[in-house]
Each structure stands twice: as structure tokens, then as C-alpha cells.
Amino acid sequence: MALLKRQFITDTTGFPIAIILPIEEYQLVEPILEQRHQAQNEADKLKLMAQAPNDARFMADLQEVMSDFAEV
């Protein structure tokens, strides 16, 4: 079995942009990465919510849903 070491990935200017980790090291940082991803998704959702009143399609869909609920 071959042992995989950390491998840094750089862009054309030599700036590090990613890293390949052995699974054991990845498992150590996985919870942190998931929390960060969740926080970014929440920030994206808040941005979309702030933009919603200016989105004509969203407002039309909202009006249709509200009408449907009123009938039920």
C-alpha cells in the first residue's frame, strides 16, 4: 500500500490554491470544513432573501402561492 503525503496544488504563478490530504488528516479537518461551508451557504441564503423583493419572478410566485393558501 502506497502512503499518500500532502500534495500542494498551485496556480500558474505559484500561489497555493488547494491541497490533497491523506484521508486520516482530512478526517481531522472535515468538521471544520463542513461548518465553514454551512456558514457560507447561510450567508448566500441571506443575500438571496435580501434580493427577493426585487425579483419579479419570485414576487409573482409568492403572490400565486399566497392566493392558493387563501383559497385553501
PDB file of N, CA and C in Angstrom:
ATOM      1  N   MET A   1       0.848  -1.182   0.000  1.00  0.00           N
ATOM      2  CA  MET A   1       0.000   0.000   0.000  1.00  0.00           C
ATOM      3  C   MET A   1       0.896   1.248   0.000  1.00  0.00           C
ATOM      4  N   ALA A   2       0.622   2.147  -0.915  1.00  0.00           N
ATOM      5  CA  ALA A   2       1.413   3.371  -1.019  1.00  0.00           C
ATOM      6  C   ALA A   2       0.898   4.406  -0.025  1.00  0.00           C
ATOM      7  N   LEU A   3       1.802   5.124   0.564  1.00  0.00           N
ATOM      8  CA  LEU A   3       1.450   6.163   1.518  1.00  0.00           C
ATOM      9  C   LEU A   3       1.356   7.496   0.780  1.00  0.00           C
ATOM     10  N   LEU A   4       0.178   8.091   0.825  1.00  0.00           N
ATOM     11  CA  LEU A   4      -0.028   9.381   0.176  1.00  0.00           C
ATOM     12  C   LEU A   4       0.366  10.486   1.147  1.00  0.00           C
ATOM     13  N   LYS A   5       1.211  11.366   0.697  1.00  0.00           N
ATOM     14  CA  LYS A   5       1.593  12.517   1.515  1.00  0.00           C
ATOM     15  C   LYS A   5       0.797  13.716   1.049  1.00  0.00           C
ATOM     16  N   ARG A   6       0.887  14.786   1.806  1.00  0.00           N
ATOM     17  CA  ARG A   6       0.225  16.030   1.386  1.00  0.00           C
ATOM     18  C   ARG A   6       0.774  16.476   0.043  1.00  0.00           C
ATOM     19  N   GLN A   7      -0.143  16.931  -0.818  1.00  0.00           N
ATOM     20  CA  GLN A   7       0.287  17.448  -2.115  1.00  0.00           C
ATOM     21  C   GLN A   7      -0.343  18.827  -2.287  1.00  0.00           C
ATOM     22  N   PHE A   8       0.501  19.833  -2.440  1.00  0.00           N
ATOM     23  CA  PHE A   8       0.018  21.200  -2.626  1.00  0.00           C
ATOM     24  C   PHE A   8      -0.199  21.451  -4.108  1.00  0.00           C
ATOM     25  N   ILE A   9      -1.294  22.119  -4.418  1.00  0.00           N
ATOM     26  CA  ILE A   9      -1.623  22.471  -5.793  1.00  0.00           C
ATOM     27  C   ILE A   9      -1.514  23.986  -5.905  1.00  0.00           C
ATOM     28  N   THR A  10      -0.773  24.440  -6.898  1.00  0.00           N
ATOM     29  CA  THR A  10      -0.559  25.876  -7.084  1.00  0.00           C
ATOM     30  C   THR A  10      -1.087  26.322  -8.437  1.00  0.00           C
ATOM     31  N   ASP A  11      -1.353  27.618  -8.544  1.00  0.00           N
ATOM     32  CA  ASP A  11      -1.743  28.159  -9.839  1.00  0.00           C
ATOM     33  C   ASP A  11      -0.481  28.445 -10.658  1.00  0.00           C
ATOM     34  N   THR A  12      -0.649  29.045 -11.817  1.00  0.00           N
ATOM     35  CA  THR A  12       0.489  29.265 -12.706  1.00  0.00           C
ATOM     36  C   THR A  12       1.519  30.256 -12.147  1.00  0.00           C
ATOM     37  N   THR A  13       1.097  31.046 -11.147  1.00  0.00           N
ATOM     38  CA  THR A  13       2.044  31.982 -10.534  1.00  0.00           C
ATOM     39  C   THR A  13       2.728  31.390  -9.311  1.00  0.00           C
ATOM     40  N   GLY A  14       2.373  30.162  -8.960  1.00  0.00           N
ATOM     41  CA  GLY A  14       2.960  29.522  -7.794  1.00  0.00           C
ATOM     42  C   GLY A  14       2.188  29.738  -6.509  1.00  0.00           C
ATOM     43  N   PHE A  15       1.045  30.416  -6.580  1.00  0.00           N
ATOM     44  CA  PHE A  15       0.216  30.671  -5.404  1.00  0.00           C
ATOM     45  C   PHE A  15      -0.537  29.389  -5.042  1.00  0.00           C
ATOM     46  N   PRO A  16      -0.432  28.920  -3.796  1.00  0.00           N
ATOM     47  CA  PRO A  16      -1.142  27.695  -3.419  1.00  0.00           C
ATOM     48  C   PRO A  16      -2.659  27.913  -3.422  1.00  0.00           C
ATOM     49  N   ILE A  17      -3.367  27.024  -4.100  1.00  0.00           N
ATOM     50  CA  ILE A  17      -4.822  27.157  -4.187  1.00  0.00           C
ATOM     51  C   ILE A  17      -5.572  25.963  -3.613  1.00  0.00           C
ATOM     52  N   ALA A  18      -4.878  24.852  -3.381  1.00  0.00           N
ATOM     53  CA  ALA A  18      -5.536  23.661  -2.842  1.00  0.00           C
ATOM     54  C   ALA A  18      -4.483  22.723  -2.271  1.00  0.00           C
ATOM     55  N   ILE A  19      -4.985  21.696  -1.591  1.00  0.00           N
ATOM     56  CA  ILE A  19      -4.090  20.681  -1.042  1.00  0.00           C
ATOM     57  C   ILE A  19      -4.817  19.345  -1.044  1.00  0.00           C
ATOM     58  N   ILE A  20      -4.100  18.308  -1.361  1.00  0.00           N
ATOM     59  CA  ILE A  20      -4.623  16.951  -1.259  1.00  0.00           C
ATOM     60  C   ILE A  20      -4.061  16.367   0.033  1.00  0.00           C
ATOM     61  N   LEU A  21      -4.965  15.903   0.888  1.00  0.00           N
ATOM     62  CA  LEU A  21      -4.558  15.368   2.185  1.00  0.00           C
ATOM     63  C   LEU A  21      -4.764  13.858   2.236  1.00  0.00           C
ATOM     64  N   PRO A  22      -3.941  13.179   3.020  1.00  0.00           N
ATOM     65  CA  PRO A  22      -4.239  11.775   3.318  1.00  0.00           C
ATOM     66  C   PRO A  22      -5.583  11.714   4.055  1.00  0.00           C
ATOM     67  N   ILE A  23      -6.320  10.646   3.885  1.00  0.00           N
ATOM     68  CA  ILE A  23      -7.658  10.547   4.465  1.00  0.00           C
ATOM     69  C   ILE A  23      -7.663  10.775   5.971  1.00  0.00           C
ATOM     70  N   GLU A  24      -6.626  10.315   6.650  1.00  0.00           N
ATOM     71  CA  GLU A  24      -6.570  10.488   8.104  1.00  0.00           C
ATOM     72  C   GLU A  24      -6.518  11.966   8.482  1.00  0.00           C
ATOM     73  N   GLU A  25      -5.754  12.744   7.744  1.00  0.00           N
ATOM     74  CA  GLU A  25      -5.671  14.181   8.022  1.00  0.00           C
ATOM     75  C   GLU A  25      -6.955  14.885   7.608  1.00  0.00           C
ATOM     76  N   TYR A  26      -7.534  14.454   6.506  1.00  0.00           N
ATOM     77  CA  TYR A  26      -8.791  15.056   6.058  1.00  0.00           C
ATOM     78  C   TYR A  26      -9.880  14.862   7.107  1.00  0.00           C
ATOM     79  N   GLN A  27      -9.946  13.671   7.673  1.00  0.00           N
ATOM     80  CA  GLN A  27     -10.972  13.391   8.679  1.00  0.00           C
ATOM     81  C   GLN A  27     -10.823  14.287   9.899  1.00  0.00           C
ATOM     82  N   LEU A  28      -9.618  14.739  10.187  1.00  0.00           N
ATOM     83  CA  LEU A  28      -9.411  15.652  11.305  1.00  0.00           C
ATOM     84  C   LEU A  28      -9.995  17.039  11.035  1.00  0.00           C
ATOM     85  N   VAL A  29      -9.929  17.493   9.805  1.00  0.00           N
ATOM     86  CA  VAL A  29     -10.393  18.848   9.473  1.00  0.00           C
ATOM     87  C   VAL A  29     -11.786  18.869   8.849  1.00  0.00           C
ATOM     88  N   GLU A  30     -12.332  17.705   8.533  1.00  0.00           N
ATOM     89  CA  GLU A  30     -13.646  17.639   7.870  1.00  0.00           C
ATOM     90  C   GLU A  30     -14.740  18.402   8.616  1.00  0.00           C
ATOM     91  N   PRO A  31     -14.893  18.252   9.943  1.00  0.00           N
ATOM     92  CA  PRO A  31     -15.945  19.002  10.643  1.00  0.00           C
ATOM     93  C   PRO A  31     -15.795  20.516  10.495  1.00  0.00           C
ATOM     94  N   ILE A  32     -14.573  20.996  10.502  1.00  0.00           N
ATOM     95  CA  ILE A  32     -14.333  22.438  10.344  1.00  0.00           C
ATOM     96  C   ILE A  32     -14.754  22.887   8.950  1.00  0.00           C
ATOM     97  N   LEU A  33     -14.406  22.095   7.953  1.00  0.00           N
ATOM     98  CA  LEU A  33     -14.771  22.439   6.573  1.00  0.00           C
ATOM     99  C   LEU A  33     -16.285  22.436   6.389  1.00  0.00           C
ATOM    100  N   GLU A  34     -16.966  21.485   7.004  1.00  0.00           N
ATOM    101  CA  GLU A  34     -18.424  21.430   6.890  1.00  0.00           C
ATOM    102  C   GLU A  34     -19.078  22.633   7.552  1.00  0.00           C
ATOM    103  N   GLN A  35     -18.556  23.055   8.704  1.00  0.00           N
ATOM    104  CA  GLN A  35     -19.101  24.234   9.383  1.00  0.00           C
ATOM    105  C   GLN A  35     -18.911  25.480   8.527  1.00  0.00           C
ATOM    106  N   ARG A  36     -17.739  25.593   7.918  1.00  0.00           N
ATOM    107  CA  ARG A  36     -17.453  26.754   7.070  1.00  0.00           C
ATOM    108  C   ARG A  36     -18.375  26.768   5.859  1.00  0.00           C
ATOM    109  N   HIS A  37     -18.577  25.603   5.256  1.00  0.00           N
ATOM    110  CA  HIS A  37     -19.460  25.503   4.089  1.00  0.00           C
ATOM    111  C   HIS A  37     -20.886  25.878   4.480  1.00  0.00           C
ATOM    112  N   GLN A  38     -21.335  25.419   5.641  1.00  0.00           N
ATOM    113  CA  GLN A  38     -22.677  25.730   6.112  1.00  0.00           C
ATOM    114  C   GLN A  38     -22.823  27.236   6.344  1.00  0.00           C
ATOM    115  N   ALA A  39     -21.822  27.864   6.927  1.00  0.00           N
ATOM    116  CA  ALA A  39     -21.873  29.302   7.178  1.00  0.00           C
ATOM    117  C   ALA A  39     -21.921  30.077   5.872  1.00  0.00           C
ATOM    118  N   GLN A  40     -21.163  29.629   4.866  1.00  0.00           N
ATOM    119  CA  GLN A  40     -21.192  30.299   3.577  1.00  0.00           C
ATOM    120  C   GLN A  40     -22.561  30.135   2.931  1.00  0.00           C
ATOM    121  N   ASN A  41     -23.159  28.949   3.040  1.00  0.00           N
ATOM    122  CA  ASN A  41     -24.492  28.736   2.481  1.00  0.00           C
ATOM    123  C   ASN A  41     -25.516  29.633   3.162  1.00  0.00           C
ATOM    124  N   GLU A  42     -25.407  29.789   4.475  1.00  0.00           N
ATOM    125  CA  GLU A  42     -26.329  30.654   5.195  1.00  0.00           C
ATOM    126  C   GLU A  42     -26.164  32.105   4.759  1.00  0.00           C
ATOM    127  N   ALA A  43     -24.931  32.544   4.553  1.00  0.00           N
ATOM    128  CA  ALA A  43     -24.696  33.915   4.088  1.00  0.00           C
ATOM    129  C   ALA A  43     -25.275  34.100   2.687  1.00  0.00           C
ATOM    130  N   ASP A  44     -25.116  33.094   1.825  1.00  0.00           N
ATOM    131  CA  ASP A  44     -25.686  33.166   0.480  1.00  0.00           C
ATOM    132  C   ASP A  44     -27.208  33.233   0.539  1.00  0.00           C
ATOM    133  N   LYS A  45     -27.807  32.450   1.429  1.00  0.00           N
ATOM    134  CA  LYS A  45     -29.266  32.463   1.569  1.00  0.00           C
ATOM    135  C   LYS A  45     -29.754  33.844   2.015  1.00  0.00           C
ATOM    136  N   LEU A  46     -29.029  34.450   2.953  1.00  0.00           N
ATOM    137  CA  LEU A  46     -29.427  35.782   3.417  1.00  0.00           C
ATOM    138  C   LEU A  46     -29.343  36.808   2.286  1.00  0.00           C
ATOM    139  N   LYS A  47     -28.312  36.702   1.453  1.00  0.00           N
ATOM    140  CA  LYS A  47     -28.191  37.615   0.310  1.00  0.00           C
ATOM    141  C   LYS A  47     -29.367  37.432  -0.653  1.00  0.00           C
ATOM    142  N   LEU A  48     -29.716  36.172  -0.923  1.00  0.00           N
ATOM    143  CA  LEU A  48     -30.837  35.901  -1.822  1.00  0.00           C
ATOM    144  C   LEU A  48     -32.150  36.413  -1.232  1.00  0.00           C
ATOM    145  N   MET A  49     -32.325  36.249   0.079  1.00  0.00           N
ATOM    146  CA  MET A  49     -33.538  36.748   0.721  1.00  0.00           C
ATOM    147  C   MET A  49     -33.631  38.268   0.615  1.00  0.00           C
ATOM    148  N   ALA A  50     -32.508  38.941   0.742  1.00  0.00           N
ATOM    149  CA  ALA A  50     -32.497  40.402   0.641  1.00  0.00           C
ATOM    150  C   ALA A  50     -32.835  40.854  -0.775  1.00  0.00           C
ATOM    151  N   GLN A  51     -32.467  40.054  -1.768  1.00  0.00           N
ATOM    152  CA  GLN A  51     -32.733  40.398  -3.163  1.00  0.00           C
ATOM    153  C   GLN A  51     -34.148  40.024  -3.603  1.00  0.00           C
ATOM    154  N   ALA A  52     -34.806  39.141  -2.865  1.00  0.00           N
ATOM    155  CA  ALA A  52     -36.100  38.599  -3.269  1.00  0.00           C
ATOM    156  C   ALA A  52     -37.159  39.655  -3.605  1.00  0.00           C
ATOM    157  N   PRO A  53     -37.331  40.706  -2.807  1.00  0.00           N
ATOM    158  CA  PRO A  53     -38.383  41.683  -3.140  1.00  0.00           C
ATOM    159  C   PRO A  53     -38.163  42.383  -4.481  1.00  0.00           C
ATOM    160  N   ASN A  54     -36.949  42.357  -4.991  1.00  0.00           N
ATOM    161  CA  ASN A  54     -36.657  42.997  -6.276  1.00  0.00           C
ATOM    162  C   ASN A  54     -36.698  42.009  -7.444  1.00  0.00           C
ATOM    163  N   ASP A  55     -37.021  40.759  -7.154  1.00  0.00           N
ATOM    164  CA  ASP A  55     -37.063  39.721  -8.183  1.00  0.00           C
ATOM    165  C   ASP A  55     -38.517  39.522  -8.621  1.00  0.00           C
ATOM    166  N   ALA A  56     -38.824  39.934  -9.834  1.00  0.00           N
ATOM    167  CA  ALA A  56     -40.205  39.888 -10.326  1.00  0.00           C
ATOM    168  C   ALA A  56     -40.756  38.461 -10.339  1.00  0.00           C
ATOM    169  N   ARG A  57     -39.954  37.489 -10.737  1.00  0.00           N
ATOM    170  CA  ARG A  57     -40.434  36.097 -10.771  1.00  0.00           C
ATOM    171  C   ARG A  57     -40.727  35.582  -9.365  1.00  0.00           C
ATOM    172  N   PHE A  58     -39.857  35.919  -8.421  1.00  0.00           N
ATOM    173  CA  PHE A  58     -40.098  35.497  -7.042  1.00  0.00           C
ATOM    174  C   PHE A  58     -41.402  36.100  -6.528  1.00  0.00           C
ATOM    175  N   MET A  59     -41.578  37.383  -6.762  1.00  0.00           N
ATOM    176  CA  MET A  59     -42.780  38.046  -6.265  1.00  0.00           C
ATOM    177  C   MET A  59     -44.036  37.479  -6.920  1.00  0.00           C
ATOM    178  N   ALA A  60     -43.977  37.146  -8.213  1.00  0.00           N
ATOM    179  CA  ALA A  60     -45.123  36.539  -8.893  1.00  0.00           C
ATOM    180  C   ALA A  60     -45.429  35.165  -8.307  1.00  0.00           C
ATOM    181  N   ASP A  61     -44.382  34.380  -8.070  1.00  0.00           N
ATOM    182  CA  ASP A  61     -44.577  33.066  -7.459  1.00  0.00           C
ATOM    183  C   ASP A  61     -45.145  33.204  -6.049  1.00  0.00           C
ATOM    184  N   LEU A  62     -44.652  34.166  -5.307  1.00  0.00           N
ATOM    185  CA  LEU A  62     -45.132  34.391  -3.951  1.00  0.00           C
ATOM    186  C   LEU A  62     -46.617  34.752  -3.965  1.00  0.00           C
ATOM    187  N   GLN A  63     -46.994  35.625  -4.876  1.00  0.00           N
ATOM    188  CA  GLN A  63     -48.401  36.030  -4.987  1.00  0.00           C
ATOM    189  C   GLN A  63     -49.287  34.834  -5.331  1.00  0.00           C
ATOM    190  N   GLU A  64     -48.801  33.985  -6.234  1.00  0.00           N
ATOM    191  CA  GLU A  64     -49.564  32.792  -6.615  1.00  0.00           C
ATOM    192  C   GLU A  64     -49.725  31.841  -5.426  1.00  0.00           C
ATOM    193  N   VAL A  65     -48.666  31.628  -4.686  1.00  0.00           N
ATOM    194  CA  VAL A  65     -48.718  30.746  -3.513  1.00  0.00           C
ATOM    195  C   VAL A  65     -49.649  31.324  -2.459  1.00  0.00           C
ATOM    196  N   MET A  66     -49.557  32.622  -2.226  1.00  0.00           N
ATOM    197  CA  MET A  66     -50.429  33.257  -1.249  1.00  0.00           C
ATOM    198  C   MET A  66     -51.887  33.135  -1.644  1.00  0.00           C
ATOM    199  N   SER A  67     -52.182  33.264  -2.932  1.00  0.00           N
ATOM    200  CA  SER A  67     -53.557  33.095  -3.420  1.00  0.00           C
ATOM    201  C   SER A  67     -54.033  31.676  -3.200  1.00  0.00           C
ATOM    202  N   ASP A  68     -53.151  30.712  -3.479  1.00  0.00           N
ATOM    203  CA  ASP A  68     -53.511  29.303  -3.275  1.00  0.00           C
ATOM    204  C   ASP A  68     -53.808  29.023  -1.809  1.00  0.00           C
ATOM    205  N   PHE A  69     -53.013  29.573  -0.913  1.00  0.00           N
ATOM    206  CA  PHE A  69     -53.248  29.372   0.507  1.00  0.00           C
ATOM    207  C   PHE A  69     -54.554  30.036   0.942  1.00  0.00           C
ATOM    208  N   ALA A  70     -54.858  31.171   0.377  1.00  0.00           N
ATOM    209  CA  ALA A  70     -56.089  31.871   0.739  1.00  0.00           C
ATOM    210  C   ALA A  70     -57.310  31.042   0.347  1.00  0.00           C
ATOM    211  N   GLU A  71     -57.213  30.344  -0.793  1.00  0.00           N
ATOM    212  CA  GLU A  71     -58.334  29.513  -1.248  1.00  0.00           C
ATOM    213  C   GLU A  71     -58.494  28.266  -0.378  1.00  0.00           C
ATOM    214  N   VAL A  72     -57.398  27.748   0.111  1.00  0.00           N
ATOM    215  CA  VAL A  72     -57.466  26.525   0.924  1.00  0.00           C
ATOM    216  C   VAL A  72     -58.009  26.885   2.287  1.00  0.00           C
TER     217      VAL A  72
END
